[in-house]
Amino acid sequence: MTSIEAAPALVRPGNRDAQRVFRAVLDALARPGTTTHLPAPAGVPAALVPLLALADLDTPVCVLDATSADSAQWLRAVMTATSAPGAVLGEARLVAALRPITADELRAVRVGTPADPEEAALVALAVPALTGGPVVRLEGPGVAPGAVIAPAGLPVGWLDVRAAVAYPAGADLLLVDSDGACVGLPRSTRTNEGS
């Protein structure tokens, strides 16, 4: 079975991994800065797993990969497994960036409005590691006092992109490494360069 063929296995009836993914995403967003784990089928990029577990008929999805052919292939797998419609980046409610995302792409993500913040996207960003990058201080609901993260592989200026959107609007981010370790940054979490 190829990795593309393995993607639908997550959403098969009776497979409890989709429930585990939902719980891990919920925990990551409820406790920003805390690491959770996403169960991923072998050969499926871990950052794609939230889309497979959360997408449905009414949730437009977008996949960003190294090439447009790779993106299209993974997008078809998600659409086939979940019946979710495909969308361009700025219209998607669920986004998986399987390659490094640029600050301009992050700026283009759907952020909702103050009146309709629920219209924002959930963006799963593949990162090489959740440690080893610049230190970021976290503040806000659900954040432990003094919490910091140091994800590697995020674009220069990503903190500025987040800061430019006034709460309650803003995208929710999941930082996911290749092993499925995941840290959530909901739009309610303030992120600042730290030490």
N, C-alpha and C. Protein backbone atom coordinates (compact mmCIF):
# COMPACT_ATOMS: atom_id res chain seq x y z
N MET A 1 0.85 -1.18 0.00
CA MET A 1 0.00 0.00 0.00
C MET A 1 0.89 1.24 0.00
N THR A 2 0.64 2.16 -0.93
CA THR A 2 1.41 3.40 -0.95
C THR A 2 0.94 4.33 0.15
N SER A 3 1.73 5.35 0.41
CA SER A 3 1.34 6.28 1.48
C SER A 3 0.06 7.02 1.12
N ILE A 4 -0.16 7.31 -0.16
CA ILE A 4 -1.40 7.96 -0.58
C ILE A 4 -2.59 7.04 -0.30
N GLU A 5 -2.44 5.75 -0.54
CA GLU A 5 -3.52 4.80 -0.28
C GLU A 5 -3.77 4.61 1.22
N ALA A 6 -2.75 4.87 2.04
CA ALA A 6 -2.90 4.69 3.49
C ALA A 6 -3.71 5.81 4.12
N ALA A 7 -3.76 6.98 3.49
CA ALA A 7 -4.44 8.14 4.08
C ALA A 7 -5.89 7.85 4.45
N PRO A 8 -6.71 7.23 3.58
CA PRO A 8 -8.11 6.99 3.95
C PRO A 8 -8.30 6.03 5.12
N ALA A 9 -7.28 5.25 5.46
CA ALA A 9 -7.42 4.29 6.57
C ALA A 9 -7.78 5.00 7.87
N LEU A 10 -7.35 6.23 8.04
CA LEU A 10 -7.62 6.97 9.27
C LEU A 10 -9.10 7.22 9.48
N VAL A 11 -9.85 7.36 8.42
CA VAL A 11 -11.27 7.72 8.55
C VAL A 11 -12.21 6.54 8.30
N ARG A 12 -11.69 5.34 8.19
CA ARG A 12 -12.55 4.16 8.01
C ARG A 12 -13.41 3.94 9.24
N PRO A 13 -14.65 3.48 9.05
CA PRO A 13 -15.50 3.17 10.21
C PRO A 13 -14.79 2.17 11.13
N GLY A 14 -14.89 2.41 12.41
CA GLY A 14 -14.27 1.52 13.39
C GLY A 14 -12.85 1.88 13.75
N ASN A 15 -12.21 2.77 12.97
CA ASN A 15 -10.85 3.17 13.28
C ASN A 15 -10.91 4.29 14.32
N ARG A 16 -10.39 4.02 15.49
CA ARG A 16 -10.45 4.99 16.59
C ARG A 16 -9.36 6.05 16.50
N ASP A 17 -8.45 5.93 15.54
CA ASP A 17 -7.39 6.93 15.42
C ASP A 17 -7.94 8.31 15.12
N ALA A 18 -9.02 8.41 14.36
CA ALA A 18 -9.61 9.72 14.08
C ALA A 18 -10.07 10.38 15.38
N GLN A 19 -10.62 9.60 16.29
CA GLN A 19 -11.03 10.14 17.59
C GLN A 19 -9.81 10.57 18.40
N ARG A 20 -8.73 9.80 18.30
CA ARG A 20 -7.51 10.15 19.01
C ARG A 20 -6.91 11.45 18.46
N VAL A 21 -6.97 11.60 17.13
CA VAL A 21 -6.48 12.84 16.51
C VAL A 21 -7.31 14.02 16.99
N PHE A 22 -8.63 13.88 16.96
CA PHE A 22 -9.51 14.95 17.43
C PHE A 22 -9.15 15.35 18.85
N ARG A 23 -8.97 14.36 19.71
CA ARG A 23 -8.63 14.63 21.11
C ARG A 23 -7.27 15.31 21.24
N ALA A 24 -6.29 14.85 20.46
CA ALA A 24 -4.96 15.46 20.51
C ALA A 24 -4.99 16.91 20.03
N VAL A 25 -5.74 17.19 18.98
CA VAL A 25 -5.88 18.57 18.49
C VAL A 25 -6.57 19.43 19.53
N LEU A 26 -7.64 18.91 20.10
CA LEU A 26 -8.37 19.64 21.13
C LEU A 26 -7.45 19.94 22.32
N ASP A 27 -6.70 18.95 22.77
CA ASP A 27 -5.78 19.15 23.89
C ASP A 27 -4.69 20.17 23.55
N ALA A 28 -4.15 20.09 22.34
CA ALA A 28 -3.09 21.02 21.92
C ALA A 28 -3.60 22.45 21.91
N LEU A 29 -4.83 22.67 21.43
CA LEU A 29 -5.37 24.02 21.36
C LEU A 29 -5.87 24.51 22.73
N ALA A 30 -6.28 23.60 23.59
CA ALA A 30 -6.75 23.99 24.93
C ALA A 30 -5.59 24.32 25.86
N ARG A 31 -4.43 23.72 25.60
CA ARG A 31 -3.25 23.95 26.44
C ARG A 31 -2.06 24.35 25.56
N PRO A 32 -2.10 25.58 25.05
CA PRO A 32 -1.03 26.03 24.15
C PRO A 32 0.35 25.85 24.77
N GLY A 33 1.28 25.38 23.97
CA GLY A 33 2.64 25.15 24.44
C GLY A 33 2.88 23.77 24.98
N THR A 34 1.81 22.99 25.16
CA THR A 34 1.92 21.62 25.65
C THR A 34 1.98 20.67 24.45
N THR A 35 2.87 19.73 24.48
CA THR A 35 3.02 18.79 23.36
C THR A 35 2.03 17.64 23.50
N THR A 36 1.31 17.38 22.42
CA THR A 36 0.45 16.20 22.32
C THR A 36 0.99 15.35 21.17
N HIS A 37 0.36 14.23 20.90
CA HIS A 37 0.84 13.36 19.82
C HIS A 37 -0.32 12.96 18.91
N LEU A 38 -0.09 13.11 17.60
CA LEU A 38 -1.07 12.71 16.59
C LEU A 38 -0.73 11.32 16.08
N PRO A 39 -1.65 10.35 16.18
CA PRO A 39 -1.37 9.04 15.59
C PRO A 39 -1.48 9.14 14.07
N ALA A 40 -0.43 8.79 13.37
CA ALA A 40 -0.44 8.89 11.91
C ALA A 40 -0.21 7.52 11.29
N PRO A 41 -1.01 7.17 10.27
CA PRO A 41 -0.75 5.92 9.55
C PRO A 41 0.64 5.98 8.91
N ALA A 42 1.29 4.84 8.80
CA ALA A 42 2.62 4.80 8.18
C ALA A 42 2.56 5.41 6.79
N GLY A 43 3.52 6.26 6.49
CA GLY A 43 3.63 6.85 5.17
C GLY A 43 2.78 8.09 4.95
N VAL A 44 1.98 8.48 5.92
CA VAL A 44 1.16 9.68 5.80
C VAL A 44 1.83 10.79 6.58
N PRO A 45 2.08 11.95 5.96
CA PRO A 45 2.70 13.05 6.70
C PRO A 45 1.88 13.41 7.93
N ALA A 46 2.53 13.56 9.07
CA ALA A 46 1.82 13.81 10.32
C ALA A 46 1.00 15.10 10.26
N ALA A 47 1.47 16.12 9.54
CA ALA A 47 0.73 17.38 9.46
C ALA A 47 -0.55 17.25 8.63
N LEU A 48 -0.69 16.17 7.89
CA LEU A 48 -1.90 15.93 7.10
C LEU A 48 -3.00 15.28 7.95
N VAL A 49 -2.61 14.65 9.03
CA VAL A 49 -3.54 13.88 9.85
C VAL A 49 -4.73 14.70 10.39
N PRO A 50 -4.51 15.95 10.87
CA PRO A 50 -5.69 16.71 11.32
C PRO A 50 -6.73 16.92 10.23
N LEU A 51 -6.31 17.12 8.99
CA LEU A 51 -7.27 17.28 7.90
C LEU A 51 -8.06 16.00 7.70
N LEU A 52 -7.38 14.86 7.73
CA LEU A 52 -8.06 13.59 7.54
C LEU A 52 -9.08 13.32 8.63
N ALA A 53 -8.78 13.76 9.85
CA ALA A 53 -9.68 13.49 10.97
C ALA A 53 -10.79 14.52 11.11
N LEU A 54 -10.57 15.76 10.68
CA LEU A 54 -11.52 16.83 10.96
C LEU A 54 -12.33 17.29 9.75
N ALA A 55 -11.88 17.02 8.55
CA ALA A 55 -12.56 17.52 7.35
C ALA A 55 -13.88 16.79 7.12
N ASP A 56 -14.82 17.51 6.50
CA ASP A 56 -16.09 16.91 6.11
C ASP A 56 -16.62 17.64 4.88
N LEU A 57 -17.85 17.34 4.50
CA LEU A 57 -18.45 17.90 3.29
C LEU A 57 -18.49 19.43 3.26
N ASP A 58 -18.54 20.06 4.42
CA ASP A 58 -18.69 21.51 4.51
C ASP A 58 -17.39 22.23 4.87
N THR A 59 -16.27 21.54 4.82
CA THR A 59 -15.01 22.12 5.26
C THR A 59 -14.00 22.14 4.12
N PRO A 60 -13.82 23.29 3.45
CA PRO A 60 -12.84 23.36 2.37
C PRO A 60 -11.42 23.13 2.90
N VAL A 61 -10.63 22.36 2.14
CA VAL A 61 -9.28 21.99 2.56
C VAL A 61 -8.26 22.40 1.51
N CYS A 62 -7.03 22.64 1.97
CA CYS A 62 -5.92 22.99 1.10
C CYS A 62 -4.68 22.27 1.61
N VAL A 63 -3.87 21.75 0.69
CA VAL A 63 -2.62 21.09 1.04
C VAL A 63 -1.49 21.79 0.28
N LEU A 64 -0.46 22.19 1.01
CA LEU A 64 0.73 22.80 0.42
C LEU A 64 1.86 21.80 0.58
N ASP A 65 2.43 21.37 -0.56
CA ASP A 65 3.54 20.43 -0.52
C ASP A 65 4.67 20.96 -1.39
N ALA A 66 5.73 20.18 -1.51
CA ALA A 66 6.93 20.63 -2.22
C ALA A 66 6.65 21.03 -3.67
N THR A 67 5.81 20.29 -4.34
CA THR A 67 5.46 20.63 -5.72
C THR A 67 3.94 20.67 -5.84
N SER A 68 3.47 21.31 -6.88
CA SER A 68 2.02 21.36 -7.07
C SER A 68 1.47 19.96 -7.34
N ALA A 69 2.27 19.08 -7.97
CA ALA A 69 1.81 17.70 -8.20
C ALA A 69 1.66 16.95 -6.88
N ASP A 70 2.63 17.13 -5.96
CA ASP A 70 2.53 16.49 -4.65
C ASP A 70 1.32 17.03 -3.89
N SER A 71 1.15 18.36 -3.92
CA SER A 71 0.00 18.97 -3.24
C SER A 71 -1.30 18.41 -3.77
N ALA A 72 -1.41 18.32 -5.09
CA ALA A 72 -2.64 17.83 -5.71
C ALA A 72 -2.89 16.37 -5.33
N GLN A 73 -1.84 15.58 -5.27
CA GLN A 73 -1.99 14.17 -4.91
C GLN A 73 -2.50 14.02 -3.48
N TRP A 74 -1.90 14.74 -2.52
CA TRP A 74 -2.36 14.66 -1.14
C TRP A 74 -3.74 15.27 -0.98
N LEU A 75 -4.01 16.35 -1.70
CA LEU A 75 -5.33 16.96 -1.63
C LEU A 75 -6.39 15.98 -2.12
N ARG A 76 -6.12 15.29 -3.22
CA ARG A 76 -7.07 14.27 -3.72
C ARG A 76 -7.30 13.18 -2.68
N ALA A 77 -6.25 12.77 -1.99
CA ALA A 77 -6.38 11.73 -0.96
C ALA A 77 -7.30 12.21 0.16
N VAL A 78 -7.11 13.46 0.61
CA VAL A 78 -7.96 14.01 1.67
C VAL A 78 -9.40 14.13 1.17
N MET A 79 -9.58 14.65 -0.04
CA MET A 79 -10.92 14.82 -0.59
C MET A 79 -11.63 13.48 -0.75
N THR A 80 -10.91 12.46 -1.20
CA THR A 80 -11.50 11.14 -1.38
C THR A 80 -11.87 10.53 -0.03
N ALA A 81 -10.99 10.66 0.95
CA ALA A 81 -11.23 10.05 2.26
C ALA A 81 -12.33 10.74 3.05
N THR A 82 -12.49 12.06 2.87
CA THR A 82 -13.39 12.82 3.74
C THR A 82 -14.58 13.46 3.01
N SER A 83 -14.56 13.46 1.69
CA SER A 83 -15.56 14.14 0.85
C SER A 83 -15.52 15.65 1.01
N ALA A 84 -14.44 16.17 1.56
CA ALA A 84 -14.29 17.62 1.72
C ALA A 84 -13.94 18.25 0.37
N PRO A 85 -14.43 19.46 0.12
CA PRO A 85 -14.06 20.15 -1.11
C PRO A 85 -12.66 20.74 -1.01
N GLY A 86 -11.95 20.74 -2.13
CA GLY A 86 -10.65 21.40 -2.19
C GLY A 86 -10.84 22.90 -2.33
N ALA A 87 -9.86 23.66 -1.90
CA ALA A 87 -9.94 25.12 -1.98
C ALA A 87 -8.54 25.71 -2.11
N VAL A 88 -8.49 26.95 -2.56
CA VAL A 88 -7.22 27.67 -2.56
C VAL A 88 -6.93 28.09 -1.12
N LEU A 89 -5.69 28.46 -0.87
CA LEU A 89 -5.24 28.75 0.49
C LEU A 89 -6.14 29.73 1.24
N GLY A 90 -6.49 30.84 0.63
CA GLY A 90 -7.26 31.87 1.31
C GLY A 90 -8.71 31.53 1.58
N GLU A 91 -9.19 30.44 1.01
CA GLU A 91 -10.58 30.03 1.20
C GLU A 91 -10.73 28.77 2.05
N ALA A 92 -9.64 28.10 2.33
CA ALA A 92 -9.68 26.83 3.06
C ALA A 92 -9.91 27.05 4.55
N ARG A 93 -10.69 26.17 5.15
CA ARG A 93 -10.90 26.18 6.61
C ARG A 93 -9.90 25.27 7.31
N LEU A 94 -9.40 24.27 6.60
CA LEU A 94 -8.35 23.39 7.11
C LEU A 94 -7.20 23.40 6.11
N VAL A 95 -6.00 23.65 6.60
CA VAL A 95 -4.82 23.74 5.75
C VAL A 95 -3.73 22.85 6.33
N ALA A 96 -3.07 22.09 5.46
CA ALA A 96 -1.88 21.34 5.87
C ALA A 96 -0.72 21.84 5.02
N ALA A 97 0.30 22.39 5.67
CA ALA A 97 1.52 22.81 4.99
C ALA A 97 2.56 21.72 5.25
N LEU A 98 2.77 20.88 4.25
CA LEU A 98 3.68 19.75 4.40
C LEU A 98 5.12 20.12 4.09
N ARG A 99 5.31 21.35 3.66
CA ARG A 99 6.63 21.92 3.41
C ARG A 99 6.68 23.26 4.13
N PRO A 100 7.87 23.84 4.25
CA PRO A 100 7.93 25.13 4.95
C PRO A 100 7.00 26.15 4.31
N ILE A 101 6.23 26.83 5.12
CA ILE A 101 5.30 27.85 4.64
C ILE A 101 6.01 29.20 4.67
N THR A 102 5.66 30.07 3.75
CA THR A 102 6.25 31.40 3.75
C THR A 102 5.39 32.35 4.59
N ALA A 103 5.97 33.47 4.98
CA ALA A 103 5.20 34.47 5.72
C ALA A 103 4.05 34.99 4.86
N ASP A 104 4.27 35.14 3.56
CA ASP A 104 3.19 35.61 2.67
C ASP A 104 2.05 34.59 2.61
N GLU A 105 2.38 33.31 2.58
CA GLU A 105 1.33 32.28 2.58
C GLU A 105 0.58 32.31 3.91
N LEU A 106 1.30 32.46 5.00
CA LEU A 106 0.65 32.52 6.31
C LEU A 106 -0.26 33.75 6.40
N ARG A 107 0.17 34.84 5.79
CA ARG A 107 -0.63 36.07 5.76
C ARG A 107 -1.91 35.86 4.94
N ALA A 108 -1.87 34.96 3.95
CA ALA A 108 -3.01 34.72 3.05
C ALA A 108 -4.05 33.77 3.65
N VAL A 109 -3.72 33.13 4.77
CA VAL A 109 -4.63 32.18 5.40
C VAL A 109 -5.88 32.90 5.91
N ARG A 110 -6.97 32.23 5.83
CA ARG A 110 -8.25 32.76 6.29
C ARG A 110 -8.22 33.00 7.81
N VAL A 111 -8.59 34.23 8.24
CA VAL A 111 -8.51 34.58 9.66
C VAL A 111 -9.86 34.92 10.28
N GLY A 112 -10.93 34.85 9.52
CA GLY A 112 -12.23 35.22 10.06
C GLY A 112 -12.32 36.72 10.29
N THR A 113 -13.31 37.13 11.04
CA THR A 113 -13.50 38.55 11.37
C THR A 113 -13.82 38.63 12.86
N PRO A 114 -13.77 39.84 13.43
CA PRO A 114 -14.17 39.95 14.84
C PRO A 114 -15.60 39.45 15.09
N ALA A 115 -16.48 39.64 14.12
CA ALA A 115 -17.86 39.18 14.28
C ALA A 115 -18.01 37.68 14.01
N ASP A 116 -17.13 37.12 13.18
CA ASP A 116 -17.20 35.70 12.81
C ASP A 116 -15.82 35.05 12.90
N PRO A 117 -15.23 34.99 14.08
CA PRO A 117 -13.88 34.41 14.19
C PRO A 117 -13.85 32.92 13.86
N GLU A 118 -14.99 32.26 14.00
CA GLU A 118 -15.03 30.82 13.71
C GLU A 118 -14.83 30.52 12.22
N GLU A 119 -14.84 31.54 11.39
CA GLU A 119 -14.60 31.37 9.95
C GLU A 119 -13.11 31.26 9.63
N ALA A 120 -12.26 31.35 10.62
CA ALA A 120 -10.81 31.27 10.42
C ALA A 120 -10.40 29.83 10.13
N ALA A 121 -9.18 29.71 9.62
CA ALA A 121 -8.62 28.40 9.29
C ALA A 121 -7.88 27.80 10.49
N LEU A 122 -7.82 26.48 10.48
CA LEU A 122 -6.91 25.72 11.33
C LEU A 122 -5.78 25.28 10.40
N VAL A 123 -4.56 25.66 10.72
CA VAL A 123 -3.41 25.39 9.85
C VAL A 123 -2.45 24.45 10.55
N ALA A 124 -2.23 23.28 9.98
CA ALA A 124 -1.25 22.32 10.50
C ALA A 124 0.05 22.54 9.73
N LEU A 125 1.07 22.99 10.44
CA LEU A 125 2.36 23.31 9.83
C LEU A 125 3.38 22.23 10.16
N ALA A 126 3.92 21.58 9.14
CA ALA A 126 5.00 20.63 9.35
C ALA A 126 6.26 21.41 9.71
N VAL A 127 6.88 21.04 10.82
CA VAL A 127 8.14 21.66 11.23
C VAL A 127 9.17 20.55 11.43
N PRO A 128 10.44 20.85 11.19
CA PRO A 128 11.46 19.81 11.38
C PRO A 128 11.58 19.36 12.83
N ALA A 129 11.32 20.28 13.77
CA ALA A 129 11.41 19.95 15.19
C ALA A 129 10.64 20.98 16.00
N LEU A 130 10.15 20.56 17.15
CA LEU A 130 9.46 21.48 18.05
C LEU A 130 10.44 22.17 19.00
N THR A 131 11.70 21.87 18.86
CA THR A 131 12.75 22.49 19.67
C THR A 131 13.89 22.90 18.74
N GLY A 132 14.77 23.76 19.27
CA GLY A 132 15.96 24.14 18.51
C GLY A 132 15.82 25.43 17.71
N GLY A 133 14.65 26.02 17.68
CA GLY A 133 14.45 27.28 16.98
C GLY A 133 14.47 28.45 17.94
N PRO A 134 14.12 29.62 17.44
CA PRO A 134 14.06 30.80 18.32
C PRO A 134 13.00 30.61 19.41
N VAL A 135 13.30 31.10 20.59
CA VAL A 135 12.37 30.98 21.72
C VAL A 135 11.21 31.95 21.54
N VAL A 136 10.01 31.44 21.81
CA VAL A 136 8.78 32.23 21.70
C VAL A 136 8.05 32.11 23.04
N ARG A 137 7.73 33.25 23.64
CA ARG A 137 6.96 33.27 24.89
C ARG A 137 5.47 33.22 24.55
N LEU A 138 4.72 32.49 25.33
CA LEU A 138 3.28 32.35 25.12
C LEU A 138 2.53 32.96 26.29
N GLU A 139 1.42 33.62 25.98
CA GLU A 139 0.54 34.18 27.01
C GLU A 139 -0.89 34.02 26.54
N GLY A 140 -1.80 33.85 27.48
CA GLY A 140 -3.21 33.80 27.12
C GLY A 140 -3.93 32.65 27.81
N PRO A 141 -5.21 32.46 27.46
CA PRO A 141 -6.01 31.41 28.09
C PRO A 141 -5.40 30.02 27.87
N GLY A 142 -5.32 29.26 28.95
CA GLY A 142 -4.83 27.89 28.88
C GLY A 142 -3.33 27.76 28.88
N VAL A 143 -2.61 28.88 28.86
CA VAL A 143 -1.15 28.84 28.81
C VAL A 143 -0.60 28.83 30.22
N ALA A 144 0.29 27.90 30.49
CA ALA A 144 0.94 27.84 31.79
C ALA A 144 1.84 29.07 31.97
N PRO A 145 1.91 29.61 33.19
CA PRO A 145 2.78 30.77 33.42
C PRO A 145 4.22 30.48 32.97
N GLY A 146 4.80 31.42 32.25
CA GLY A 146 6.19 31.27 31.80
C GLY A 146 6.39 30.31 30.64
N ALA A 147 5.31 29.88 29.98
CA ALA A 147 5.43 28.90 28.90
C ALA A 147 6.20 29.47 27.71
N VAL A 148 7.09 28.66 27.19
CA VAL A 148 7.84 29.01 25.99
C VAL A 148 7.88 27.81 25.07
N ILE A 149 8.03 28.09 23.78
CA ILE A 149 8.27 27.05 22.79
C ILE A 149 9.45 27.52 21.95
N ALA A 150 10.06 26.62 21.18
CA ALA A 150 11.18 26.97 20.32
C ALA A 150 11.15 26.13 19.05
N PRO A 151 10.07 26.23 18.28
CA PRO A 151 9.96 25.40 17.07
C PRO A 151 10.97 25.82 16.00
N ALA A 152 11.51 24.85 15.32
CA ALA A 152 12.43 25.11 14.21
C ALA A 152 11.64 25.13 12.91
N GLY A 153 12.12 25.88 11.94
CA GLY A 153 11.57 25.82 10.60
C GLY A 153 10.42 26.74 10.27
N LEU A 154 10.07 27.67 11.16
CA LEU A 154 9.00 28.62 10.84
C LEU A 154 9.59 29.81 10.11
N PRO A 155 8.80 30.46 9.26
CA PRO A 155 9.37 31.55 8.45
C PRO A 155 9.70 32.78 9.27
N VAL A 156 10.68 33.50 8.80
CA VAL A 156 11.00 34.79 9.41
C VAL A 156 9.75 35.66 9.29
N GLY A 157 9.38 36.31 10.35
CA GLY A 157 8.22 37.19 10.33
C GLY A 157 6.91 36.53 10.70
N TRP A 158 6.92 35.25 11.07
CA TRP A 158 5.65 34.59 11.39
C TRP A 158 5.00 35.19 12.63
N LEU A 159 5.79 35.66 13.57
CA LEU A 159 5.21 36.30 14.76
C LEU A 159 4.53 37.61 14.39
N ASP A 160 5.12 38.34 13.46
CA ASP A 160 4.52 39.60 13.00
C ASP A 160 3.20 39.35 12.28
N VAL A 161 3.14 38.27 11.50
CA VAL A 161 1.90 37.93 10.79
C VAL A 161 0.80 37.66 11.81
N ARG A 162 1.10 36.89 12.85
CA ARG A 162 0.11 36.61 13.90
C ARG A 162 -0.30 37.89 14.63
N ALA A 163 0.66 38.73 14.95
CA ALA A 163 0.38 39.94 15.71
C ALA A 163 -0.44 40.96 14.92
N ALA A 164 -0.39 40.88 13.61
CA ALA A 164 -1.10 41.86 12.76
C ALA A 164 -2.61 41.63 12.74
N VAL A 165 -3.07 40.48 13.24
CA VAL A 165 -4.50 40.17 13.24
C VAL A 165 -5.03 40.33 14.66
N ALA A 166 -6.03 41.19 14.81
CA ALA A 166 -6.57 41.48 16.14
C ALA A 166 -7.54 40.38 16.57
N TYR A 167 -7.34 39.88 17.78
CA TYR A 167 -8.23 38.89 18.36
C TYR A 167 -9.62 39.52 18.51
N PRO A 168 -10.70 38.81 18.23
CA PRO A 168 -10.85 37.36 18.16
C PRO A 168 -10.60 36.74 16.79
N ALA A 169 -10.29 37.56 15.77
CA ALA A 169 -9.94 36.98 14.47
C ALA A 169 -8.55 36.34 14.58
N GLY A 170 -8.20 35.56 13.61
CA GLY A 170 -6.88 34.93 13.58
C GLY A 170 -6.97 33.45 13.35
N ALA A 171 -5.95 32.90 12.72
CA ALA A 171 -5.90 31.46 12.44
C ALA A 171 -5.38 30.70 13.66
N ASP A 172 -5.85 29.48 13.82
CA ASP A 172 -5.32 28.57 14.83
C ASP A 172 -4.21 27.75 14.16
N LEU A 173 -3.08 27.60 14.84
CA LEU A 173 -1.94 26.88 14.27
C LEU A 173 -1.66 25.61 15.07
N LEU A 174 -1.31 24.56 14.34
CA LEU A 174 -0.78 23.34 14.93
C LEU A 174 0.62 23.16 14.36
N LEU A 175 1.63 23.12 15.20
CA LEU A 175 2.99 22.86 14.77
C LEU A 175 3.23 21.37 14.96
N VAL A 176 3.55 20.67 13.87
CA VAL A 176 3.61 19.21 13.90
C VAL A 176 4.95 18.73 13.36
N ASP A 177 5.66 17.93 14.14
CA ASP A 177 6.91 17.37 13.62
C ASP A 177 6.63 16.05 12.89
N SER A 178 7.64 15.48 12.29
CA SER A 178 7.43 14.30 11.44
C SER A 178 6.98 13.06 12.21
N ASP A 179 7.21 13.04 13.53
CA ASP A 179 6.78 11.92 14.36
C ASP A 179 5.37 12.10 14.92
N GLY A 180 4.73 13.24 14.62
CA GLY A 180 3.38 13.49 15.10
C GLY A 180 3.30 14.26 16.39
N ALA A 181 4.44 14.67 16.96
CA ALA A 181 4.40 15.54 18.13
C ALA A 181 3.82 16.88 17.68
N CYS A 182 2.94 17.45 18.50
CA CYS A 182 2.15 18.58 18.07
C CYS A 182 2.00 19.61 19.19
N VAL A 183 2.13 20.89 18.83
CA VAL A 183 1.89 22.00 19.76
C VAL A 183 0.87 22.91 19.11
N GLY A 184 -0.15 23.28 19.86
CA GLY A 184 -1.19 24.16 19.35
C GLY A 184 -0.99 25.61 19.75
N LEU A 185 -1.31 26.50 18.82
CA LEU A 185 -1.30 27.94 19.08
C LEU A 185 -2.63 28.50 18.60
N PRO A 186 -3.64 28.49 19.47
CA PRO A 186 -4.92 29.05 19.06
C PRO A 186 -4.81 30.57 18.89
N ARG A 187 -5.77 31.14 18.21
CA ARG A 187 -5.74 32.59 17.95
C ARG A 187 -5.78 33.41 19.23
N SER A 188 -6.23 32.84 20.34
CA SER A 188 -6.28 33.56 21.61
C SER A 188 -4.92 33.64 22.30
N THR A 189 -3.94 32.91 21.80
CA THR A 189 -2.60 32.89 22.41
C THR A 189 -1.74 34.00 21.81
N ARG A 190 -1.18 34.81 22.68
CA ARG A 190 -0.24 35.85 22.24
C ARG A 190 1.15 35.23 22.19
N THR A 191 1.84 35.51 21.08
CA THR A 191 3.18 34.97 20.87
C THR A 191 4.16 36.14 20.75
N ASN A 192 5.24 36.08 21.51
CA ASN A 192 6.25 37.14 21.50
C ASN A 192 7.64 36.53 21.52
N GLU A 193 8.57 37.22 20.85
CA GLU A 193 9.95 36.77 20.92
C GLU A 193 10.35 36.75 22.38
N GLY A 194 11.04 35.72 22.76
CA GLY A 194 11.37 35.59 24.18
C GLY A 194 12.74 35.05 24.41
N SER A 195 13.04 34.86 25.68
CA SER A 195 14.33 34.28 26.04
C SER A 195 14.14 33.37 27.23
